[in-house]
Amino acid sequence: MEFGHGERFLADNEKDKKLAELFPTSANRLFFGDNLHVMRQLPSESIDLIYIAPPFFSGRNYNVIFGDRNEMRSFSDIWEGGMPGYLVWLNARLFEMKRLLKPTGSIYVHLDWHACHYVKVEMDKIFATMR
């Protein structure tokens, strides 16, 4: 799935080989995979907006049926090491997101009551210099 950046994107970034490789047609791209791996391939200060909805630290296993019983997806929201283990996992991604955000960029994190206060404290530590 691709959406265009336009000619200005091409002109502003014509010398950046990494961007040319990731966006050969100057189009936005949708990446599938571990977001930490994908983010590490992207250039610093290249993103205007980040929206994430990480696992909620609900302590549950989920089996979700989409449509019919043949289309079942499951995932676990139980973290080895409890909250500290969850925060280690999330912090690695938040540090990459900080690197990727433009100085004028914004990040939105969608969480529920299970972890939102813990994540807010971590984000204050990580993003404090960007205020």
Protein backbone atom coordinates (compact mmCIF):
# COMPACT_ATOMS: atom_id res chain seq x y z
CA MET A 1 0.00 0.00 0.00
CA GLU A 2 1.54 3.34 -0.99
CA PHE A 3 0.56 6.98 -0.78
CA GLY A 4 2.60 9.67 -2.49
CA HIS A 5 4.88 12.27 -0.91
CA GLY A 6 5.18 14.21 -4.14
CA GLU A 7 7.96 15.98 -5.97
CA ARG A 8 9.12 18.04 -2.99
CA PHE A 9 9.97 14.88 -1.06
CA LEU A 10 12.10 13.69 -3.96
CA ALA A 11 13.88 17.01 -4.31
CA ASP A 12 14.53 17.45 -0.58
CA ASN A 13 15.93 13.94 -0.20
CA GLU A 14 17.59 13.16 -3.51
CA LYS A 15 21.02 12.61 -1.89
CA ASP A 16 19.81 10.36 0.91
CA LYS A 17 20.55 6.83 -0.32
CA LYS A 18 18.72 5.15 2.56
CA LEU A 19 15.52 7.08 1.82
CA ALA A 20 15.85 6.33 -1.88
CA GLU A 21 16.09 2.63 -1.05
CA LEU A 22 13.12 2.66 1.35
CA PHE A 23 10.94 4.96 -0.77
CA PRO A 24 12.04 4.50 -4.39
CA THR A 25 8.88 6.09 -5.79
CA SER A 26 8.73 8.85 -3.13
CA ALA A 27 5.63 7.14 -1.75
CA ASN A 28 4.77 6.45 1.86
CA ARG A 29 4.99 2.75 2.63
CA LEU A 30 3.27 0.37 4.96
CA PHE A 31 5.74 -2.02 6.59
CA PHE A 32 4.82 -5.37 8.09
CA GLY A 33 7.02 -6.88 10.77
CA ASP A 34 8.57 -6.13 14.11
CA ASN A 35 8.33 -2.38 14.42
CA LEU A 36 11.69 -2.16 16.23
CA HIS A 37 13.47 -3.77 13.27
CA VAL A 38 11.67 -1.52 10.77
CA MET A 39 12.27 1.67 12.76
CA ARG A 40 16.00 0.98 12.94
CA GLN A 41 16.13 1.14 9.13
CA LEU A 42 14.57 4.61 8.95
CA PRO A 43 16.55 7.87 9.05
CA SER A 44 16.55 10.09 12.13
CA GLU A 45 14.12 13.00 12.40
CA SER A 46 12.12 11.80 9.41
CA ILE A 47 8.62 11.36 10.88
CA ASP A 48 5.98 13.98 11.66
CA LEU A 49 3.48 11.84 13.54
CA ILE A 50 3.61 8.55 15.40
CA TYR A 51 0.51 6.79 16.72
CA ILE A 52 1.00 3.56 18.61
CA ALA A 53 -1.41 1.20 20.35
CA PRO A 54 0.97 -1.18 22.11
CA PRO A 55 -0.25 -4.14 24.15
CA PHE A 56 -2.15 -2.93 27.20
CA PHE A 57 -0.47 -5.14 29.83
CA SER A 58 -3.86 -6.69 30.54
CA GLY A 59 -2.46 -10.00 31.81
CA ARG A 60 -4.70 -11.99 29.46
CA ASN A 61 -4.42 -14.34 26.52
CA TYR A 62 -6.66 -13.47 23.60
CA ASN A 63 -8.32 -15.70 21.03
CA VAL A 64 -10.22 -13.50 18.61
CA ILE A 65 -12.57 -14.84 15.96
CA PHE A 66 -12.95 -12.65 12.86
CA GLY A 67 -15.99 -13.56 10.81
CA ASP A 68 -16.07 -17.31 11.29
CA ARG A 69 -14.28 -19.97 13.32
CA ASN A 70 -11.77 -20.56 10.50
CA GLU A 71 -10.29 -17.10 11.01
CA MET A 72 -9.02 -17.13 14.57
CA ARG A 73 -6.08 -15.05 15.74
CA SER A 74 -4.51 -15.28 19.13
CA PHE A 75 -1.93 -13.37 21.10
CA SER A 76 -0.71 -13.14 24.64
CA ASP A 77 -0.63 -9.96 26.70
CA ILE A 78 1.21 -11.61 29.59
CA TRP A 79 4.77 -10.35 30.09
CA GLU A 80 7.71 -12.27 31.50
CA GLY A 81 9.07 -10.16 34.32
CA GLY A 82 5.77 -8.35 34.87
CA MET A 83 5.64 -4.58 34.45
CA PRO A 84 9.45 -4.16 34.34
CA GLY A 85 9.64 -6.65 31.46
CA TYR A 86 6.86 -4.86 29.62
CA LEU A 87 8.54 -1.48 30.06
CA VAL A 88 11.90 -2.81 28.80
CA TRP A 89 10.15 -4.05 25.66
CA LEU A 90 8.28 -0.77 25.15
CA ASN A 91 11.19 1.54 26.03
CA ALA A 92 13.35 0.10 23.26
CA ARG A 93 10.65 1.14 20.81
CA LEU A 94 10.04 4.54 22.42
CA PHE A 95 13.75 5.41 22.16
CA GLU A 96 13.65 4.61 18.44
CA MET A 97 10.50 6.69 18.04
CA LYS A 98 12.21 9.64 19.71
CA ARG A 99 15.10 9.32 17.25
CA LEU A 100 12.67 9.21 14.31
CA LEU A 101 10.47 12.14 15.28
CA LYS A 102 11.16 15.49 13.69
CA PRO A 103 11.70 18.32 16.22
CA THR A 104 8.16 19.47 15.40
CA GLY A 105 6.75 15.93 15.48
CA SER A 106 4.10 14.44 17.77
CA ILE A 107 3.61 11.04 19.33
CA TYR A 108 0.29 9.61 20.50
CA VAL A 109 0.23 6.49 22.67
CA HIS A 110 -3.04 4.60 23.11
CA LEU A 111 -3.17 2.66 26.39
CA ASP A 112 -5.70 1.74 29.03
CA TRP A 113 -5.50 1.89 32.82
CA HIS A 114 -3.27 -1.18 33.17
CA ALA A 115 -0.05 0.54 32.10
CA CYS A 116 -0.77 4.17 31.15
CA HIS A 117 0.69 5.74 34.29
CA TYR A 118 3.87 3.66 34.13
CA VAL A 119 4.33 4.45 30.44
CA LYS A 120 3.75 8.16 31.05
CA VAL A 121 6.64 8.19 33.56
CA GLU A 122 8.89 6.39 31.06
CA MET A 123 7.90 8.78 28.27
CA ASP A 124 8.69 11.75 30.50
CA LYS A 125 12.19 10.32 30.97
CA ILE A 126 12.71 9.58 27.26
CA PHE A 127 11.07 12.62 25.69
CA ALA A 128 11.87 15.25 28.35
CA THR A 129 14.45 16.97 26.15
CA MET A 130 11.92 17.42 23.34
CA ARG A 131 9.45 19.57 25.29
